Amino acid sequence: EHHENRTDLQEMGDCPVLAQLPLV
């Protein structure tokens, strides 16, 4: 989880994040 990156990608990239998976 990286809240700032997720927010920037959605708002500045104008693209929804549909889901997130951990790197296992």
PDB file of all heavy atoms in Angstrom:
ATOM      1  N   GLU A   1       0.831  -1.192   0.000  1.00  0.00           N
ATOM      2  CA  GLU A   1       0.000   0.000   0.000  1.00  0.00           C
ATOM      3  C   GLU A   1       0.876   1.255   0.000  1.00  0.00           C
ATOM      4  O   GLU A   1       1.838   1.356   0.766  1.00  0.00           O
ATOM      5  CB  GLU A   1      -0.915   0.015   1.222  1.00  0.00           C
ATOM      6  CG  GLU A   1      -2.055  -0.985   1.165  1.00  0.00           C
ATOM      7  CD  GLU A   1      -3.127  -0.590   0.151  1.00  0.00           C
ATOM      8  OE1 GLU A   1      -3.154   0.604  -0.251  1.00  0.00           O
ATOM      9  OE2 GLU A   1      -3.914  -1.465  -0.241  1.00  0.00           O
ATOM     10  N   HIS A   2       0.551   2.192  -0.870  1.00  0.00           N
ATOM     11  CA  HIS A   2       1.225   3.485  -0.925  1.00  0.00           C
ATOM     12  C   HIS A   2       0.145   4.501  -1.271  1.00  0.00           C
ATOM     13  O   HIS A   2      -0.153   4.740  -2.429  1.00  0.00           O
ATOM     14  CB  HIS A   2       2.338   3.468  -1.971  1.00  0.00           C
ATOM     15  CG  HIS A   2       3.279   4.631  -1.889  1.00  0.00           C
ATOM     16  ND1 HIS A   2       2.863   5.943  -2.002  1.00  0.00           N
ATOM     17  CD2 HIS A   2       4.629   4.678  -1.691  1.00  0.00           C
ATOM     18  CE1 HIS A   2       3.902   6.742  -1.893  1.00  0.00           C
ATOM     19  NE2 HIS A   2       4.983   6.004  -1.698  1.00  0.00           N
ATOM     20  N   HIS A   3      -0.422   5.094  -0.233  1.00  0.00           N
ATOM     21  CA  HIS A   3      -1.614   5.922  -0.405  1.00  0.00           C
ATOM     22  C   HIS A   3      -1.370   7.083  -1.366  1.00  0.00           C
ATOM     23  O   HIS A   3      -2.204   7.381  -2.230  1.00  0.00           O
ATOM     24  CB  HIS A   3      -2.091   6.447   0.953  1.00  0.00           C
ATOM     25  CG  HIS A   3      -3.258   7.386   0.851  1.00  0.00           C
ATOM     26  ND1 HIS A   3      -4.529   6.960   0.525  1.00  0.00           N
ATOM     27  CD2 HIS A   3      -3.331   8.744   0.987  1.00  0.00           C
ATOM     28  CE1 HIS A   3      -5.355   8.001   0.483  1.00  0.00           C
ATOM     29  NE2 HIS A   3      -4.650   9.086   0.766  1.00  0.00           N
ATOM     30  N   GLU A   4      -0.215   7.742  -1.226  1.00  0.00           N
ATOM     31  CA  GLU A   4       0.047   8.898  -2.078  1.00  0.00           C
ATOM     32  C   GLU A   4       0.140   8.509  -3.552  1.00  0.00           C
ATOM     33  O   GLU A   4      -0.424   9.193  -4.415  1.00  0.00           O
ATOM     34  CB  GLU A   4       1.328   9.596  -1.624  1.00  0.00           C
ATOM     35  CG  GLU A   4       1.196  10.291  -0.276  1.00  0.00           C
ATOM     36  CD  GLU A   4       2.494  10.928   0.177  1.00  0.00           C
ATOM     37  OE1 GLU A   4       3.562  10.460  -0.257  1.00  0.00           O
ATOM     38  OE2 GLU A   4       2.428  11.887   0.971  1.00  0.00           O
ATOM     39  N   ASN A   5       0.858   7.426  -3.833  1.00  0.00           N
ATOM     40  CA  ASN A   5       0.965   6.989  -5.226  1.00  0.00           C
ATOM     41  C   ASN A   5      -0.390   6.602  -5.798  1.00  0.00           C
ATOM     42  O   ASN A   5      -0.725   6.943  -6.936  1.00  0.00           O
ATOM     43  CB  ASN A   5       1.933   5.807  -5.343  1.00  0.00           C
ATOM     44  CG  ASN A   5       3.383   6.228  -5.334  1.00  0.00           C
ATOM     45  OD1 ASN A   5       3.698   7.415  -5.424  1.00  0.00           O
ATOM     46  ND2 ASN A   5       4.278   5.267  -5.226  1.00  0.00           N
ATOM     47  N   ARG A   6      -1.169   5.869  -5.015  1.00  0.00           N
ATOM     48  CA  ARG A   6      -2.492   5.455  -5.489  1.00  0.00           C
ATOM     49  C   ARG A   6      -3.355   6.672  -5.796  1.00  0.00           C
ATOM     50  O   ARG A   6      -4.024   6.738  -6.837  1.00  0.00           O
ATOM     51  CB  ARG A   6      -3.161   4.562  -4.446  1.00  0.00           C
ATOM     52  CG  ARG A   6      -4.513   4.006  -4.897  1.00  0.00           C
ATOM     53  CD  ARG A   6      -5.112   3.102  -3.833  1.00  0.00           C
ATOM     54  NE  ARG A   6      -6.408   2.591  -4.246  1.00  0.00           N
ATOM     55  CZ  ARG A   6      -6.722   1.309  -4.338  1.00  0.00           C
ATOM     56  NH1 ARG A   6      -5.816   0.384  -4.063  1.00  0.00           N
ATOM     57  NH2 ARG A   6      -7.934   0.931  -4.706  1.00  0.00           N
ATOM     58  N   THR A   7      -3.328   7.667  -4.893  1.00  0.00           N
ATOM     59  CA  THR A   7      -4.117   8.880  -5.107  1.00  0.00           C
ATOM     60  C   THR A   7      -3.641   9.632  -6.335  1.00  0.00           C
ATOM     61  O   THR A   7      -4.442  10.068  -7.174  1.00  0.00           O
ATOM     62  CB  THR A   7      -4.021   9.792  -3.866  1.00  0.00           C
ATOM     63  OG1 THR A   7      -4.560   9.104  -2.736  1.00  0.00           O
ATOM     64  CG2 THR A   7      -4.794  11.086  -4.081  1.00  0.00           C
ATOM     65  N   ASP A   8      -2.323   9.785  -6.476  1.00  0.00           N
ATOM     66  CA  ASP A   8      -1.783  10.519  -7.628  1.00  0.00           C
ATOM     67  C   ASP A   8      -2.091   9.807  -8.940  1.00  0.00           C
ATOM     68  O   ASP A   8      -2.412  10.451  -9.948  1.00  0.00           O
ATOM     69  CB  ASP A   8      -0.270  10.691  -7.478  1.00  0.00           C
ATOM     70  CG  ASP A   8       0.092  11.682  -6.385  1.00  0.00           C
ATOM     71  OD1 ASP A   8      -0.797  12.446  -5.948  1.00  0.00           O
ATOM     72  OD2 ASP A   8       1.265  11.693  -5.955  1.00  0.00           O
ATOM     73  N   LEU A   9      -1.969   8.486  -8.952  1.00  0.00           N
ATOM     74  CA  LEU A   9      -2.247   7.739 -10.178  1.00  0.00           C
ATOM     75  C   LEU A   9      -3.702   7.916 -10.611  1.00  0.00           C
ATOM     76  O   LEU A   9      -3.990   8.074 -11.801  1.00  0.00           O
ATOM     77  CB  LEU A   9      -1.925   6.262  -9.986  1.00  0.00           C
ATOM     78  CG  LEU A   9      -0.444   5.913  -9.890  1.00  0.00           C
ATOM     79  CD1 LEU A   9      -0.265   4.455  -9.477  1.00  0.00           C
ATOM     80  CD2 LEU A   9       0.270   6.187 -11.213  1.00  0.00           C
ATOM     81  N   GLN A  10      -4.608   7.912  -9.649  1.00  0.00           N
ATOM     82  CA  GLN A  10      -6.023   8.066  -9.988  1.00  0.00           C
ATOM     83  C   GLN A  10      -6.367   9.494 -10.372  1.00  0.00           C
ATOM     84  O   GLN A  10      -7.063   9.724 -11.367  1.00  0.00           O
ATOM     85  CB  GLN A  10      -6.895   7.621  -8.813  1.00  0.00           C
ATOM     86  CG  GLN A  10      -6.828   6.135  -8.537  1.00  0.00           C
ATOM     87  CD  GLN A  10      -7.906   5.677  -7.576  1.00  0.00           C
ATOM     88  OE1 GLN A  10      -8.894   5.070  -7.989  1.00  0.00           O
ATOM     89  NE2 GLN A  10      -7.711   5.957  -6.297  1.00  0.00           N
ATOM     90  N   GLU A  11      -5.883  10.462  -9.577  1.00  0.00           N
ATOM     91  CA  GLU A  11      -6.287  11.846  -9.806  1.00  0.00           C
ATOM     92  C   GLU A  11      -5.483  12.505 -10.928  1.00  0.00           C
ATOM     93  O   GLU A  11      -6.056  13.112 -11.833  1.00  0.00           O
ATOM     94  CB  GLU A  11      -6.143  12.642  -8.502  1.00  0.00           C
ATOM     95  CG  GLU A  11      -7.098  12.157  -7.412  1.00  0.00           C
ATOM     96  CD  GLU A  11      -6.993  12.974  -6.137  1.00  0.00           C
ATOM     97  OE1 GLU A  11      -6.123  13.888  -6.062  1.00  0.00           O
ATOM     98  OE2 GLU A  11      -7.772  12.703  -5.201  1.00  0.00           O
ATOM     99  N   MET A  12      -4.160  12.373 -10.893  1.00  0.00           N
ATOM    100  CA  MET A  12      -3.330  13.015 -11.912  1.00  0.00           C
ATOM    101  C   MET A  12      -3.305  12.202 -13.199  1.00  0.00           C
ATOM    102  O   MET A  12      -3.178  12.748 -14.296  1.00  0.00           O
ATOM    103  CB  MET A  12      -1.919  13.223 -11.375  1.00  0.00           C
ATOM    104  CG  MET A  12      -1.874  14.110 -10.144  1.00  0.00           C
ATOM    105  SD  MET A  12      -0.221  14.217  -9.394  1.00  0.00           S
ATOM    106  CE  MET A  12       0.628  15.184 -10.644  1.00  0.00           C
ATOM    107  N   GLY A  13      -3.426  10.882 -13.066  1.00  0.00           N
ATOM    108  CA  GLY A  13      -3.483  10.024 -14.250  1.00  0.00           C
ATOM    109  C   GLY A  13      -4.870   9.885 -14.812  1.00  0.00           C
ATOM    110  O   GLY A  13      -5.048   9.324 -15.900  1.00  0.00           O
ATOM    111  N   ASP A  14      -5.867  10.355 -14.063  1.00  0.00           N
ATOM    112  CA  ASP A  14      -7.265  10.281 -14.492  1.00  0.00           C
ATOM    113  C   ASP A  14      -7.636   8.863 -14.913  1.00  0.00           C
ATOM    114  O   ASP A  14      -8.195   8.623 -15.985  1.00  0.00           O
ATOM    115  CB  ASP A  14      -7.522  11.262 -15.641  1.00  0.00           C
ATOM    116  CG  ASP A  14      -9.007  11.430 -15.934  1.00  0.00           C
ATOM    117  OD1 ASP A  14      -9.823  11.186 -15.014  1.00  0.00           O
ATOM    118  OD2 ASP A  14      -9.357  11.789 -17.072  1.00  0.00           O
ATOM    119  N   CYS A  15      -7.303   7.919 -14.026  1.00  0.00           N
ATOM    120  CA  CYS A  15      -7.552   6.510 -14.322  1.00  0.00           C
ATOM    121  C   CYS A  15      -7.883   5.790 -13.015  1.00  0.00           C
ATOM    122  O   CYS A  15      -7.110   5.882 -12.056  1.00  0.00           O
ATOM    123  CB  CYS A  15      -6.323   5.886 -14.981  1.00  0.00           C
ATOM    124  SG  CYS A  15      -6.528   4.149 -15.439  1.00  0.00           S
ATOM    125  N   PRO A  16      -8.984   5.087 -12.934  1.00  0.00           N
ATOM    126  CA  PRO A  16      -9.340   4.415 -11.686  1.00  0.00           C
ATOM    127  C   PRO A  16      -8.454   3.222 -11.372  1.00  0.00           C
ATOM    128  O   PRO A  16      -8.036   2.489 -12.275  1.00  0.00           O
ATOM    129  CB  PRO A  16     -10.781   3.961 -11.925  1.00  0.00           C
ATOM    130  CG  PRO A  16     -10.883   3.796 -13.410  1.00  0.00           C
ATOM    131  CD  PRO A  16     -10.002   4.861 -13.990  1.00  0.00           C
ATOM    132  N   VAL A  17      -8.146   3.042 -10.095  1.00  0.00           N
ATOM    133  CA  VAL A  17      -7.490   1.828  -9.622  1.00  0.00           C
ATOM    134  C   VAL A  17      -8.594   0.838  -9.273  1.00  0.00           C
ATOM    135  O   VAL A  17      -9.382   1.070  -8.356  1.00  0.00           O
ATOM    136  CB  VAL A  17      -6.587   2.099  -8.410  1.00  0.00           C
ATOM    137  CG1 VAL A  17      -6.062   0.785  -7.834  1.00  0.00           C
ATOM    138  CG2 VAL A  17      -5.413   2.995  -8.809  1.00  0.00           C
ATOM    139  N   LEU A  18      -8.670  -0.247  -9.994  1.00  0.00           N
ATOM    140  CA  LEU A  18      -9.741  -1.229  -9.827  1.00  0.00           C
ATOM    141  C   LEU A  18      -9.486  -2.162  -8.651  1.00  0.00           C
ATOM    142  O   LEU A  18     -10.423  -2.632  -8.013  1.00  0.00           O
ATOM    143  CB  LEU A  18      -9.901  -2.054 -11.104  1.00  0.00           C
ATOM    144  CG  LEU A  18     -10.111  -1.247 -12.400  1.00  0.00           C
ATOM    145  CD1 LEU A  18     -10.076  -2.179 -13.601  1.00  0.00           C
ATOM    146  CD2 LEU A  18     -11.419  -0.477 -12.338  1.00  0.00           C
ATOM    147  N   ALA A  19      -8.198  -2.452  -8.407  1.00  0.00           N
ATOM    148  CA  ALA A  19      -7.832  -3.377  -7.331  1.00  0.00           C
ATOM    149  C   ALA A  19      -6.326  -3.263  -7.090  1.00  0.00           C
ATOM    150  O   ALA A  19      -5.600  -2.673  -7.891  1.00  0.00           O
ATOM    151  CB  ALA A  19      -8.201  -4.814  -7.691  1.00  0.00           C
ATOM    152  N   GLN A  20      -5.884  -3.848  -5.987  1.00  0.00           N
ATOM    153  CA  GLN A  20      -4.459  -3.898  -5.686  1.00  0.00           C
ATOM    154  C   GLN A  20      -4.123  -5.250  -5.077  1.00  0.00           C
ATOM    155  O   GLN A  20      -4.859  -5.774  -4.236  1.00  0.00           O
ATOM    156  CB  GLN A  20      -4.055  -2.783  -4.712  1.00  0.00           C
ATOM    157  CG  GLN A  20      -2.568  -2.783  -4.389  1.00  0.00           C
ATOM    158  CD  GLN A  20      -2.098  -1.488  -3.754  1.00  0.00           C
ATOM    159  OE1 GLN A  20      -2.825  -0.491  -3.738  1.00  0.00           O
ATOM    160  NE2 GLN A  20      -0.879  -1.476  -3.241  1.00  0.00           N
ATOM    161  N   LEU A  21      -3.003  -5.814  -5.526  1.00  0.00           N
ATOM    162  CA  LEU A  21      -2.518  -7.083  -5.006  1.00  0.00           C
ATOM    163  C   LEU A  21      -1.149  -6.880  -4.371  1.00  0.00           C
ATOM    164  O   LEU A  21      -0.344  -6.095  -4.879  1.00  0.00           O
ATOM    165  CB  LEU A  21      -2.393  -8.121  -6.127  1.00  0.00           C
ATOM    166  CG  LEU A  21      -3.684  -8.572  -6.804  1.00  0.00           C
ATOM    167  CD1 LEU A  21      -3.369  -9.490  -7.983  1.00  0.00           C
ATOM    168  CD2 LEU A  21      -4.607  -9.264  -5.818  1.00  0.00           C
ATOM    169  N   PRO A  22      -0.860  -7.587  -3.288  1.00  0.00           N
ATOM    170  CA  PRO A  22       0.487  -7.509  -2.714  1.00  0.00           C
ATOM    171  C   PRO A  22       1.487  -8.255  -3.583  1.00  0.00           C
ATOM    172  O   PRO A  22       1.123  -9.161  -4.344  1.00  0.00           O
ATOM    173  CB  PRO A  22       0.320  -8.186  -1.359  1.00  0.00           C
ATOM    174  CG  PRO A  22      -0.790  -9.169  -1.575  1.00  0.00           C
ATOM    175  CD  PRO A  22      -1.733  -8.502  -2.535  1.00  0.00           C
ATOM    176  N   LEU A  23       2.733  -7.860  -3.478  1.00  0.00           N
ATOM    177  CA  LEU A  23       3.811  -8.603  -4.140  1.00  0.00           C
ATOM    178  C   LEU A  23       4.250  -9.690  -3.174  1.00  0.00           C
ATOM    179  O   LEU A  23       4.788  -9.406  -2.109  1.00  0.00           O
ATOM    180  CB  LEU A  23       4.977  -7.666  -4.464  1.00  0.00           C
ATOM    181  CG  LEU A  23       6.106  -8.256  -5.307  1.00  0.00           C
ATOM    182  CD1 LEU A  23       5.598  -8.645  -6.682  1.00  0.00           C
ATOM    183  CD2 LEU A  23       7.250  -7.245  -5.433  1.00  0.00           C
ATOM    184  N   VAL A  24       4.012 -10.948  -3.514  1.00  0.00           N
ATOM    185  CA  VAL A  24       4.254 -12.054  -2.585  1.00  0.00           C
ATOM    186  C   VAL A  24       5.461 -12.871  -3.029  1.00  0.00           C
ATOM    187  O   VAL A  24       5.783 -12.948  -4.225  1.00  0.00           O
ATOM    188  CB  VAL A  24       3.010 -12.964  -2.468  1.00  0.00           C
ATOM    189  CG1 VAL A  24       1.838 -12.185  -1.869  1.00  0.00           C
ATOM    190  CG2 VAL A  24       2.618 -13.543  -3.816  1.00  0.00           C
TER     191      VAL A  24
END
